[in-house]
């Protein structure tokens, strides 16, 4: 098995840019870190990593195309994804300001299960994974090895960048913000998720 180091480097860079750019998962991580703190936020983070790893695996195996071929399957998944993103957007935008970690963010949206659900229904993630899996042949003439390496890189990148975004939320939560400023930040993060949900519908 021969690995193309140039394509490996380019793929890794593309993965960092695509998977580390703002979207519903990152907005949720920042919000959970801000409201719940690092230790509680790790539970949501862990669930999100599981969900995203599954989504990446589905994309790498080409199963998403097979799933999309089932009549009504895509519409059903899109409905579930949109409904959850709308719910998550609302919970983040209208999270209590000035609340303690034990009072804020205790809903399903900040649990392990909430993280898993966001990971497997995130439209932005599937678009990013599909784009990445189709680019840069790291291992030529061996599709299984190529996709396996790409999956591993995506998972490693997500673990690192998402942990950084979670910590950014924790740092933001430690800043003594005015209630109006904190509300504005919450609305902006919720709006990011809402925009993703609307793009999924259109």
N, C-alpha and C. Protein backbone atom coordinates (compact mmCIF):
# COMPACT_ATOMS: atom_id res chain seq x y z
N UNK A 1 0.86 -1.20 0.00
CA UNK A 1 0.00 0.00 0.00
C UNK A 1 0.89 1.25 0.00
N UNK A 2 0.72 2.06 -1.02
CA UNK A 2 1.50 3.29 -1.14
C UNK A 2 0.63 4.50 -0.83
N UNK A 3 1.07 5.31 0.11
CA UNK A 3 0.33 6.49 0.52
C UNK A 3 0.92 7.72 -0.15
N UNK A 4 0.07 8.49 -0.79
CA UNK A 4 0.48 9.75 -1.42
C UNK A 4 0.54 10.82 -0.34
N UNK A 5 1.74 11.17 0.08
CA UNK A 5 1.91 12.11 1.19
C UNK A 5 1.38 13.50 0.87
N UNK A 6 1.48 13.92 -0.39
CA UNK A 6 0.98 15.23 -0.78
C UNK A 6 -0.54 15.27 -0.64
N UNK A 7 -1.21 14.24 -1.17
CA UNK A 7 -2.67 14.19 -1.05
C UNK A 7 -3.10 14.00 0.40
N UNK A 8 -2.30 13.28 1.17
CA UNK A 8 -2.59 13.12 2.59
C UNK A 8 -2.57 14.47 3.30
N UNK A 9 -1.57 15.27 2.99
CA UNK A 9 -1.45 16.60 3.60
C UNK A 9 -2.59 17.51 3.17
N UNK A 10 -2.89 17.49 1.88
CA UNK A 10 -3.98 18.33 1.37
C UNK A 10 -5.33 17.91 1.94
N UNK A 11 -5.54 16.62 2.05
CA UNK A 11 -6.79 16.12 2.62
C UNK A 11 -6.93 16.55 4.08
N UNK A 12 -5.85 16.43 4.83
CA UNK A 12 -5.87 16.80 6.24
C UNK A 12 -6.18 18.28 6.41
N UNK A 13 -5.57 19.11 5.56
CA UNK A 13 -5.83 20.55 5.61
C UNK A 13 -7.29 20.85 5.27
N UNK A 14 -7.80 20.19 4.23
CA UNK A 14 -9.20 20.38 3.84
C UNK A 14 -10.14 19.94 4.95
N UNK A 15 -9.79 18.85 5.64
CA UNK A 15 -10.62 18.35 6.73
C UNK A 15 -10.68 19.35 7.88
N UNK A 16 -9.55 19.95 8.20
CA UNK A 16 -9.51 20.95 9.27
C UNK A 16 -10.39 22.15 8.92
N UNK A 17 -10.30 22.60 7.66
CA UNK A 17 -11.06 23.77 7.23
C UNK A 17 -12.57 23.47 7.22
N UNK A 18 -12.94 22.35 6.61
CA UNK A 18 -14.37 22.03 6.47
C UNK A 18 -15.00 21.63 7.80
N UNK A 19 -14.33 20.78 8.56
CA UNK A 19 -14.91 20.26 9.80
C UNK A 19 -14.74 21.23 10.96
N UNK A 20 -13.83 22.18 10.82
CA UNK A 20 -13.62 23.15 11.90
C UNK A 20 -14.33 24.46 11.70
N UNK A 21 -14.99 24.62 10.54
CA UNK A 21 -15.69 25.87 10.27
C UNK A 21 -17.03 25.90 10.98
N UNK A 22 -17.53 27.09 11.34
CA UNK A 22 -18.78 27.21 12.10
C UNK A 22 -19.97 26.54 11.41
N UNK A 23 -20.77 25.89 12.21
CA UNK A 23 -21.98 25.21 11.75
C UNK A 23 -22.82 24.88 12.96
N UNK A 24 -23.87 24.09 12.80
CA UNK A 24 -24.75 23.78 13.95
C UNK A 24 -24.05 23.04 15.07
N UNK A 25 -23.16 22.09 14.73
CA UNK A 25 -22.47 21.33 15.77
C UNK A 25 -21.55 22.22 16.59
N UNK A 26 -20.81 23.09 15.92
CA UNK A 26 -19.88 23.98 16.63
C UNK A 26 -20.63 25.02 17.45
N UNK A 27 -21.72 25.55 16.89
CA UNK A 27 -22.54 26.49 17.66
C UNK A 27 -23.09 25.83 18.91
N UNK A 28 -23.51 24.58 18.78
CA UNK A 28 -24.03 23.85 19.93
C UNK A 28 -22.93 23.58 20.96
N UNK A 29 -21.74 23.22 20.50
CA UNK A 29 -20.62 22.98 21.41
C UNK A 29 -20.28 24.22 22.22
N UNK A 30 -20.22 25.37 21.53
CA UNK A 30 -19.92 26.62 22.23
C UNK A 30 -21.01 26.92 23.26
N UNK A 31 -22.26 26.73 22.86
CA UNK A 31 -23.37 27.03 23.76
C UNK A 31 -23.36 26.12 24.98
N UNK A 32 -23.14 24.82 24.76
CA UNK A 32 -23.11 23.86 25.88
C UNK A 32 -21.93 24.15 26.79
N UNK A 33 -20.76 24.43 26.20
CA UNK A 33 -19.60 24.76 27.02
C UNK A 33 -19.83 26.01 27.84
N UNK A 34 -20.48 27.00 27.23
CA UNK A 34 -20.76 28.26 27.90
C UNK A 34 -21.74 28.08 29.05
N UNK A 35 -22.77 27.28 28.82
CA UNK A 35 -23.83 27.14 29.82
C UNK A 35 -23.55 26.05 30.86
N UNK A 36 -22.85 24.97 30.46
CA UNK A 36 -22.71 23.81 31.34
C UNK A 36 -21.30 23.61 31.88
N UNK A 37 -20.32 24.28 31.29
CA UNK A 37 -18.96 24.09 31.74
C UNK A 37 -18.29 22.92 31.05
N UNK A 38 -17.01 22.71 31.33
CA UNK A 38 -16.22 21.73 30.58
C UNK A 38 -16.63 20.29 30.88
N UNK A 39 -16.73 19.93 32.15
CA UNK A 39 -17.01 18.53 32.50
C UNK A 39 -18.38 18.09 32.00
N UNK A 40 -19.41 18.91 32.24
CA UNK A 40 -20.74 18.57 31.74
C UNK A 40 -20.76 18.62 30.21
N UNK A 41 -20.02 19.57 29.64
CA UNK A 41 -19.98 19.70 28.20
C UNK A 41 -19.33 18.50 27.52
N UNK A 42 -18.43 17.81 28.23
CA UNK A 42 -17.77 16.64 27.65
C UNK A 42 -18.77 15.54 27.29
N UNK A 43 -19.87 15.45 28.01
CA UNK A 43 -20.86 14.42 27.70
C UNK A 43 -21.50 14.69 26.34
N UNK A 44 -21.91 15.93 26.12
CA UNK A 44 -22.47 16.30 24.82
C UNK A 44 -21.41 16.13 23.73
N UNK A 45 -20.19 16.56 24.03
CA UNK A 45 -19.07 16.45 23.09
C UNK A 45 -18.84 14.99 22.68
N UNK A 46 -18.85 14.08 23.67
CA UNK A 46 -18.64 12.66 23.39
C UNK A 46 -19.74 12.11 22.49
N UNK A 47 -20.98 12.47 22.79
CA UNK A 47 -22.09 12.02 21.96
C UNK A 47 -21.98 12.55 20.54
N UNK A 48 -21.58 13.81 20.42
CA UNK A 48 -21.43 14.42 19.11
C UNK A 48 -20.36 13.70 18.30
N UNK A 49 -19.24 13.34 18.94
CA UNK A 49 -18.17 12.64 18.23
C UNK A 49 -18.64 11.28 17.74
N UNK A 50 -19.44 10.60 18.54
CA UNK A 50 -19.98 9.30 18.11
C UNK A 50 -20.88 9.48 16.89
N UNK A 51 -21.77 10.47 16.98
CA UNK A 51 -22.69 10.71 15.87
C UNK A 51 -21.96 11.10 14.60
N UNK A 52 -20.98 11.98 14.71
CA UNK A 52 -20.23 12.42 13.54
C UNK A 52 -19.37 11.30 12.96
N UNK A 53 -18.83 10.44 13.83
CA UNK A 53 -18.03 9.31 13.36
C UNK A 53 -18.91 8.35 12.55
N UNK A 54 -20.14 8.15 13.01
CA UNK A 54 -21.09 7.32 12.26
C UNK A 54 -21.41 7.95 10.91
N UNK A 55 -21.67 9.27 10.92
CA UNK A 55 -21.97 9.98 9.67
C UNK A 55 -20.80 9.90 8.69
N UNK A 56 -19.59 10.03 9.22
CA UNK A 56 -18.40 9.93 8.36
C UNK A 56 -18.25 8.52 7.81
N UNK A 57 -18.54 7.52 8.64
CA UNK A 57 -18.46 6.13 8.19
C UNK A 57 -19.49 5.83 7.12
N UNK A 58 -20.69 6.34 7.30
CA UNK A 58 -21.74 6.16 6.29
C UNK A 58 -21.32 6.78 4.97
N UNK A 59 -20.73 7.96 5.04
CA UNK A 59 -20.28 8.65 3.82
C UNK A 59 -19.12 7.90 3.17
N UNK A 60 -18.18 7.42 3.98
CA UNK A 60 -17.01 6.71 3.45
C UNK A 60 -17.41 5.40 2.78
N UNK A 61 -18.41 4.73 3.34
CA UNK A 61 -18.84 3.44 2.79
C UNK A 61 -19.80 3.59 1.61
N UNK A 62 -20.19 4.83 1.32
CA UNK A 62 -21.12 5.05 0.21
C UNK A 62 -22.54 4.66 0.54
N UNK A 63 -22.82 4.45 1.82
CA UNK A 63 -24.14 4.00 2.23
C UNK A 63 -25.19 5.10 2.15
N UNK A 64 -24.72 6.36 2.22
CA UNK A 64 -25.68 7.46 2.17
C UNK A 64 -26.39 7.49 0.82
N UNK A 65 -25.67 7.19 -0.25
CA UNK A 65 -26.28 7.15 -1.57
C UNK A 65 -27.29 6.02 -1.66
N UNK A 66 -26.95 4.87 -1.07
CA UNK A 66 -27.87 3.74 -1.07
C UNK A 66 -29.11 4.06 -0.24
N UNK A 67 -28.89 4.73 0.88
CA UNK A 67 -30.02 5.11 1.73
C UNK A 67 -30.93 6.09 1.00
N UNK A 68 -30.32 7.02 0.27
CA UNK A 68 -31.09 8.03 -0.46
C UNK A 68 -31.93 7.42 -1.57
N UNK A 69 -31.53 6.21 -2.02
CA UNK A 69 -32.28 5.56 -3.10
C UNK A 69 -33.59 4.94 -2.60
N UNK A 70 -33.74 4.79 -1.29
CA UNK A 70 -34.98 4.24 -0.72
C UNK A 70 -36.06 5.30 -0.79
N UNK A 71 -37.22 4.98 -1.36
CA UNK A 71 -38.31 5.97 -1.49
C UNK A 71 -38.70 6.58 -0.15
N UNK A 72 -38.67 7.89 -0.07
CA UNK A 72 -39.09 8.59 1.14
C UNK A 72 -38.06 8.66 2.24
N UNK A 73 -36.95 7.92 2.11
CA UNK A 73 -35.95 7.87 3.18
C UNK A 73 -35.28 9.23 3.38
N UNK A 74 -34.92 9.87 2.28
CA UNK A 74 -34.25 11.16 2.37
C UNK A 74 -35.15 12.22 2.99
N UNK A 75 -36.43 12.22 2.58
CA UNK A 75 -37.37 13.20 3.12
C UNK A 75 -37.59 12.97 4.61
N UNK A 76 -37.66 11.71 5.02
CA UNK A 76 -37.86 11.40 6.44
C UNK A 76 -36.67 11.87 7.26
N UNK A 77 -35.46 11.58 6.78
CA UNK A 77 -34.25 12.00 7.50
C UNK A 77 -34.16 13.51 7.54
N UNK A 78 -34.50 14.16 6.42
CA UNK A 78 -34.45 15.62 6.37
C UNK A 78 -35.44 16.24 7.35
N UNK A 79 -36.61 15.62 7.49
CA UNK A 79 -37.61 16.11 8.43
C UNK A 79 -37.10 16.00 9.87
N UNK A 80 -36.51 14.85 10.20
CA UNK A 80 -35.98 14.64 11.55
C UNK A 80 -34.85 15.63 11.83
N UNK A 81 -33.95 15.77 10.86
CA UNK A 81 -32.82 16.69 11.03
C UNK A 81 -33.30 18.12 11.21
N UNK A 82 -34.25 18.55 10.37
CA UNK A 82 -34.75 19.92 10.43
C UNK A 82 -35.47 20.18 11.75
N UNK A 83 -36.30 19.23 12.17
CA UNK A 83 -37.04 19.39 13.43
C UNK A 83 -36.09 19.53 14.62
N UNK A 84 -35.04 18.69 14.63
CA UNK A 84 -34.10 18.74 15.75
C UNK A 84 -33.28 20.02 15.72
N UNK A 85 -32.87 20.45 14.52
CA UNK A 85 -32.11 21.69 14.42
C UNK A 85 -32.94 22.89 14.86
N UNK A 86 -34.22 22.89 14.53
CA UNK A 86 -35.10 23.97 14.98
C UNK A 86 -35.23 23.96 16.50
N UNK A 87 -35.37 22.77 17.07
CA UNK A 87 -35.46 22.64 18.53
C UNK A 87 -34.16 23.13 19.19
N UNK A 88 -33.03 22.69 18.63
CA UNK A 88 -31.74 23.08 19.19
C UNK A 88 -31.53 24.58 19.07
N UNK A 89 -31.93 25.14 17.95
CA UNK A 89 -31.81 26.58 17.74
C UNK A 89 -32.59 27.34 18.81
N UNK A 90 -33.80 26.90 19.08
CA UNK A 90 -34.65 27.56 20.08
C UNK A 90 -34.03 27.45 21.48
N UNK A 91 -33.57 26.24 21.84
CA UNK A 91 -33.02 26.04 23.19
C UNK A 91 -31.77 26.89 23.41
N UNK A 92 -30.95 27.04 22.39
CA UNK A 92 -29.73 27.84 22.54
C UNK A 92 -30.03 29.33 22.55
N UNK A 93 -30.88 29.77 21.62
CA UNK A 93 -31.19 31.21 21.52
C UNK A 93 -31.85 31.74 22.78
N UNK A 94 -32.69 30.91 23.41
CA UNK A 94 -33.45 31.37 24.57
C UNK A 94 -33.00 30.71 25.87
N UNK A 95 -31.74 30.25 25.89
CA UNK A 95 -31.18 29.71 27.13
C UNK A 95 -31.12 30.82 28.17
N UNK A 96 -31.34 30.47 29.45
CA UNK A 96 -31.31 31.51 30.50
C UNK A 96 -29.96 32.21 30.54
N UNK A 97 -29.98 33.52 30.69
CA UNK A 97 -28.74 34.28 30.81
C UNK A 97 -28.46 34.51 32.28
N UNK A 98 -27.18 34.41 32.63
CA UNK A 98 -26.79 34.61 34.01
C UNK A 98 -27.11 33.44 34.91
N UNK A 99 -27.49 32.29 34.31
CA UNK A 99 -27.83 31.12 35.12
C UNK A 99 -26.57 30.34 35.47
N UNK A 100 -26.66 29.57 36.52
CA UNK A 100 -25.53 28.76 36.93
C UNK A 100 -25.46 27.53 36.04
N UNK A 101 -24.34 26.80 36.11
CA UNK A 101 -24.16 25.63 35.27
C UNK A 101 -25.19 24.56 35.58
N UNK A 102 -25.64 24.44 36.81
CA UNK A 102 -26.60 23.40 37.15
C UNK A 102 -28.00 23.77 36.72
N UNK A 103 -28.24 25.05 36.49
CA UNK A 103 -29.57 25.49 36.10
C UNK A 103 -29.74 25.56 34.59
N UNK A 104 -28.67 25.88 33.89
CA UNK A 104 -28.78 26.13 32.46
C UNK A 104 -28.38 24.91 31.65
N UNK A 105 -28.97 24.80 30.45
CA UNK A 105 -28.56 23.77 29.51
C UNK A 105 -28.79 22.36 29.96
N UNK A 106 -29.75 22.11 30.86
CA UNK A 106 -29.97 20.76 31.36
C UNK A 106 -30.95 19.97 30.52
N UNK A 107 -31.33 20.47 29.36
CA UNK A 107 -32.29 19.81 28.50
C UNK A 107 -31.62 18.71 27.70
N UNK A 108 -32.46 18.00 26.93
CA UNK A 108 -31.97 16.92 26.08
C UNK A 108 -30.88 17.40 25.15
N UNK A 109 -30.95 18.67 24.72
CA UNK A 109 -30.00 19.22 23.76
C UNK A 109 -28.56 19.16 24.25
N UNK A 110 -28.34 19.07 25.57
CA UNK A 110 -26.97 19.08 26.09
C UNK A 110 -26.54 17.71 26.61
N UNK A 111 -27.28 16.65 26.29
CA UNK A 111 -26.95 15.31 26.76
C UNK A 111 -26.12 14.54 25.74
N UNK A 112 -25.65 13.36 26.14
CA UNK A 112 -24.93 12.49 25.22
C UNK A 112 -25.82 12.14 24.03
N UNK A 113 -27.07 11.76 24.33
CA UNK A 113 -28.01 11.39 23.26
C UNK A 113 -28.26 12.56 22.32
N UNK A 114 -28.36 13.76 22.89
CA UNK A 114 -28.53 14.95 22.06
C UNK A 114 -27.36 15.17 21.13
N UNK A 115 -26.16 14.92 21.62
CA UNK A 115 -24.96 15.05 20.79
C UNK A 115 -24.94 14.03 19.67
N UNK A 116 -25.31 12.78 19.99
CA UNK A 116 -25.35 11.73 18.97
C UNK A 116 -26.36 12.09 17.88
N UNK A 117 -27.54 12.54 18.30
CA UNK A 117 -28.58 12.88 17.34
C UNK A 117 -28.14 14.02 16.43
N UNK A 118 -27.50 15.03 17.00
CA UNK A 118 -27.02 16.14 16.18
C UNK A 118 -25.96 15.67 15.19
N UNK A 119 -25.08 14.78 15.64
CA UNK A 119 -24.02 14.28 14.77
C UNK A 119 -24.54 13.51 13.57
N UNK A 120 -25.55 12.66 13.78
CA UNK A 120 -26.04 11.81 12.69
C UNK A 120 -27.08 12.49 11.82
N UNK A 121 -27.59 13.66 12.25
CA UNK A 121 -28.61 14.35 11.44
C UNK A 121 -28.14 15.69 10.92
N UNK A 122 -26.86 16.00 11.11
CA UNK A 122 -26.32 17.31 10.73
C UNK A 122 -26.10 17.39 9.21
N UNK A 123 -26.91 18.15 8.49
CA UNK A 123 -26.75 18.24 7.03
C UNK A 123 -25.37 18.75 6.61
N UNK A 124 -24.84 19.75 7.35
CA UNK A 124 -23.52 20.30 7.00
C UNK A 124 -22.45 19.22 7.08
N UNK A 125 -22.55 18.32 8.06
CA UNK A 125 -21.56 17.27 8.21
C UNK A 125 -21.55 16.34 7.01
N UNK A 126 -22.73 15.94 6.55
CA UNK A 126 -22.79 15.02 5.40
C UNK A 126 -22.24 15.67 4.14
N UNK A 127 -22.53 16.96 3.96
CA UNK A 127 -22.00 17.67 2.80
C UNK A 127 -20.47 17.71 2.87
N UNK A 128 -19.94 18.00 4.05
CA UNK A 128 -18.48 18.06 4.24
C UNK A 128 -17.84 16.69 4.02
N UNK A 129 -18.44 15.65 4.62
CA UNK A 129 -17.88 14.31 4.48
C UNK A 129 -17.92 13.83 3.03
N UNK A 130 -19.05 14.07 2.34
CA UNK A 130 -19.17 13.64 0.95
C UNK A 130 -18.11 14.33 0.09
N UNK A 131 -17.88 15.62 0.35
CA UNK A 131 -16.87 16.37 -0.39
C UNK A 131 -15.47 15.83 -0.11
N UNK A 132 -15.19 15.56 1.16
CA UNK A 132 -13.86 15.07 1.54
C UNK A 132 -13.59 13.68 1.00
N UNK A 133 -14.56 12.79 1.12
CA UNK A 133 -14.35 11.40 0.69
C UNK A 133 -14.12 11.30 -0.81
N UNK A 134 -14.66 12.26 -1.57
CA UNK A 134 -14.51 12.23 -3.03
C UNK A 134 -13.24 12.92 -3.50
N UNK A 135 -12.48 13.49 -2.58
CA UNK A 135 -11.31 14.27 -2.97
C UNK A 135 -10.01 13.56 -2.58
N UNK A 136 -8.92 13.93 -3.25
CA UNK A 136 -7.56 13.52 -2.88
C UNK A 136 -7.42 12.01 -2.63
N UNK A 137 -7.01 11.30 -3.62
CA UNK A 137 -6.80 9.85 -3.50
C UNK A 137 -5.52 9.59 -2.70
N UNK A 138 -5.69 9.34 -1.41
CA UNK A 138 -4.53 9.11 -0.53
C UNK A 138 -3.87 7.78 -0.85
N UNK A 139 -4.69 6.76 -1.08
CA UNK A 139 -4.19 5.43 -1.47
C UNK A 139 -4.81 5.08 -2.81
N UNK A 140 -4.03 5.07 -3.83
CA UNK A 140 -4.57 4.79 -5.17
C UNK A 140 -4.74 3.28 -5.38
N UNK A 141 -5.76 2.94 -6.14
CA UNK A 141 -6.06 1.55 -6.51
C UNK A 141 -6.47 0.68 -5.33
N UNK A 142 -6.81 1.29 -4.22
CA UNK A 142 -7.30 0.54 -3.05
C UNK A 142 -8.33 1.40 -2.33
N UNK A 143 -9.57 1.27 -2.77
CA UNK A 143 -10.64 2.13 -2.26
C UNK A 143 -10.88 1.93 -0.77
N UNK A 144 -10.85 0.69 -0.32
CA UNK A 144 -11.11 0.40 1.10
C UNK A 144 -10.07 1.08 1.98
N UNK A 145 -8.80 0.93 1.64
CA UNK A 145 -7.72 1.56 2.41
C UNK A 145 -7.83 3.08 2.34
N UNK A 146 -8.14 3.60 1.16
CA UNK A 146 -8.25 5.04 0.97
C UNK A 146 -9.34 5.62 1.87
N UNK A 147 -10.53 5.00 1.83
CA UNK A 147 -11.65 5.49 2.63
C UNK A 147 -11.41 5.29 4.12
N UNK A 148 -10.74 4.22 4.49
CA UNK A 148 -10.44 3.95 5.91
C UNK A 148 -9.53 5.03 6.48
N UNK A 149 -8.48 5.37 5.72
CA UNK A 149 -7.56 6.42 6.17
C UNK A 149 -8.27 7.77 6.25
N UNK A 150 -9.09 8.07 5.26
CA UNK A 150 -9.84 9.32 5.27
C UNK A 150 -10.78 9.39 6.47
N UNK A 151 -11.43 8.28 6.79
CA UNK A 151 -12.34 8.24 7.96
C UNK A 151 -11.56 8.51 9.24
N UNK A 152 -10.40 7.86 9.37
CA UNK A 152 -9.58 8.05 10.57
C UNK A 152 -9.15 9.50 10.71
N UNK A 153 -8.71 10.10 9.61
CA UNK A 153 -8.28 11.50 9.65
C UNK A 153 -9.44 12.40 10.06
N UNK A 154 -10.62 12.18 9.47
CA UNK A 154 -11.79 12.99 9.81
C UNK A 154 -12.13 12.89 11.29
N UNK A 155 -12.08 11.68 11.84
CA UNK A 155 -12.40 11.47 13.25
C UNK A 155 -11.39 12.19 14.14
N UNK A 156 -10.11 12.06 13.82
CA UNK A 156 -9.06 12.72 14.62
C UNK A 156 -9.21 14.24 14.57
N UNK A 157 -9.46 14.76 13.36
CA UNK A 157 -9.64 16.21 13.21
C UNK A 157 -10.84 16.68 14.02
N UNK A 158 -11.95 15.95 13.95
CA UNK A 158 -13.16 16.35 14.70
C UNK A 158 -12.91 16.33 16.21
N UNK A 159 -12.22 15.32 16.69
CA UNK A 159 -11.93 15.23 18.12
C UNK A 159 -11.17 16.45 18.60
N UNK A 160 -10.18 16.87 17.81
CA UNK A 160 -9.32 17.99 18.21
C UNK A 160 -10.04 19.32 18.08
N UNK A 161 -10.60 19.60 16.89
CA UNK A 161 -11.20 20.92 16.67
C UNK A 161 -12.46 21.11 17.51
N UNK A 162 -13.24 20.06 17.68
CA UNK A 162 -14.47 20.20 18.49
C UNK A 162 -14.15 20.41 19.96
N UNK A 163 -13.08 19.78 20.43
CA UNK A 163 -12.66 20.01 21.82
C UNK A 163 -12.23 21.46 22.00
N UNK A 164 -11.57 22.00 20.99
CA UNK A 164 -11.15 23.41 21.05
C UNK A 164 -12.36 24.34 21.08
N UNK A 165 -13.39 24.04 20.28
CA UNK A 165 -14.60 24.85 20.27
C UNK A 165 -15.37 24.73 21.59
N UNK A 166 -15.39 23.53 22.16
CA UNK A 166 -16.04 23.35 23.46
C UNK A 166 -15.33 24.22 24.51
N UNK A 167 -14.00 24.21 24.50
CA UNK A 167 -13.23 25.00 25.46
C UNK A 167 -13.46 26.49 25.22
N UNK A 168 -13.61 26.90 23.97
CA UNK A 168 -13.91 28.30 23.67
C UNK A 168 -15.23 28.71 24.32
N UNK A 169 -16.20 27.80 24.29
CA UNK A 169 -17.47 28.07 24.96
C UNK A 169 -17.31 28.19 26.46
N UNK A 170 -16.46 27.33 27.04
CA UNK A 170 -16.20 27.39 28.48
C UNK A 170 -15.57 28.72 28.86
N UNK A 171 -14.59 29.16 28.08
CA UNK A 171 -13.93 30.44 28.32
C UNK A 171 -14.94 31.58 28.21
N UNK A 172 -15.80 31.51 27.20
CA UNK A 172 -16.82 32.54 27.01
C UNK A 172 -17.77 32.59 28.21
N UNK A 173 -18.08 31.41 28.77
CA UNK A 173 -18.97 31.35 29.91
C UNK A 173 -18.37 31.95 31.18
N UNK A 174 -17.05 32.00 31.23
CA UNK A 174 -16.37 32.54 32.42
C UNK A 174 -16.23 34.06 32.38
N UNK A 175 -16.53 34.63 31.21
CA UNK A 175 -16.45 36.08 31.07
C UNK A 175 -17.71 36.70 31.66
N UNK A 176 -17.52 37.74 32.45
CA UNK A 176 -18.66 38.42 33.08
C UNK A 176 -19.34 39.34 32.06
N UNK A 177 -20.33 38.79 31.37
CA UNK A 177 -21.01 39.54 30.32
C UNK A 177 -22.29 40.18 30.83
N UNK A 178 -22.64 41.29 30.22
CA UNK A 178 -23.94 41.89 30.49
C UNK A 178 -25.04 40.97 29.95
N UNK A 179 -26.19 40.90 30.62
CA UNK A 179 -27.28 40.04 30.15
C UNK A 179 -27.65 40.25 28.69
N UNK A 180 -27.67 41.52 28.25
CA UNK A 180 -28.03 41.79 26.86
C UNK A 180 -26.96 41.25 25.90
N UNK A 181 -25.70 41.35 26.27
CA UNK A 181 -24.62 40.83 25.44
C UNK A 181 -24.69 39.31 25.37
N UNK A 182 -24.94 38.70 26.53
CA UNK A 182 -25.03 37.24 26.58
C UNK A 182 -26.22 36.75 25.75
N UNK A 183 -27.34 37.46 25.84
CA UNK A 183 -28.51 37.09 25.04
C UNK A 183 -28.21 37.22 23.56
N UNK A 184 -27.49 38.26 23.17
CA UNK A 184 -27.13 38.46 21.76
C UNK A 184 -26.27 37.32 21.25
N UNK A 185 -25.31 36.88 22.06
CA UNK A 185 -24.45 35.76 21.67
C UNK A 185 -25.28 34.49 21.51
N UNK A 186 -26.19 34.25 22.45
CA UNK A 186 -27.06 33.07 22.37
C UNK A 186 -27.90 33.09 21.10
N UNK A 187 -28.45 34.25 20.79
CA UNK A 187 -29.30 34.37 19.60
C UNK A 187 -28.47 34.15 18.33
N UNK A 188 -27.24 34.66 18.31
CA UNK A 188 -26.37 34.46 17.14
C UNK A 188 -26.05 32.98 16.94
N UNK A 189 -25.77 32.27 18.03
CA UNK A 189 -25.48 30.84 17.92
C UNK A 189 -26.73 30.07 17.50
N UNK A 190 -27.86 30.44 18.08
CA UNK A 190 -29.11 29.81 17.68
C UNK A 190 -29.45 30.11 16.24
N UNK A 191 -29.15 31.34 15.82
CA UNK A 191 -29.41 31.74 14.44
C UNK A 191 -28.58 30.96 13.45
N UNK A 192 -27.35 30.62 13.83
CA UNK A 192 -26.48 29.82 12.96
C UNK A 192 -27.12 28.46 12.70
N UNK A 193 -27.65 27.86 13.76
CA UNK A 193 -28.31 26.56 13.62
C UNK A 193 -29.60 26.70 12.83
N UNK A 194 -30.36 27.77 13.08
CA UNK A 194 -31.60 28.00 12.35
C UNK A 194 -31.33 28.15 10.85
N UNK A 195 -30.27 28.86 10.50
CA UNK A 195 -29.92 29.04 9.09
C UNK A 195 -29.63 27.70 8.43
N UNK A 196 -28.94 26.81 9.17
CA UNK A 196 -28.65 25.47 8.63
C UNK A 196 -29.92 24.70 8.42
N UNK A 197 -30.85 24.81 9.37
CA UNK A 197 -32.12 24.10 9.25
C UNK A 197 -32.91 24.60 8.03
N UNK A 198 -32.90 25.90 7.82
CA UNK A 198 -33.63 26.47 6.68
C UNK A 198 -32.99 26.06 5.35
N UNK A 199 -31.65 25.99 5.33
CA UNK A 199 -30.97 25.56 4.10
C UNK A 199 -31.28 24.10 3.80
N UNK A 200 -31.49 23.30 4.86
CA UNK A 200 -31.82 21.90 4.66
C UNK A 200 -33.20 21.75 4.02
N UNK A 201 -34.10 22.67 4.35
CA UNK A 201 -35.46 22.60 3.80
C UNK A 201 -35.48 23.06 2.35
N UNK A 202 -34.74 24.14 2.06
CA UNK A 202 -34.76 24.76 0.72
C UNK A 202 -33.94 23.98 -0.30
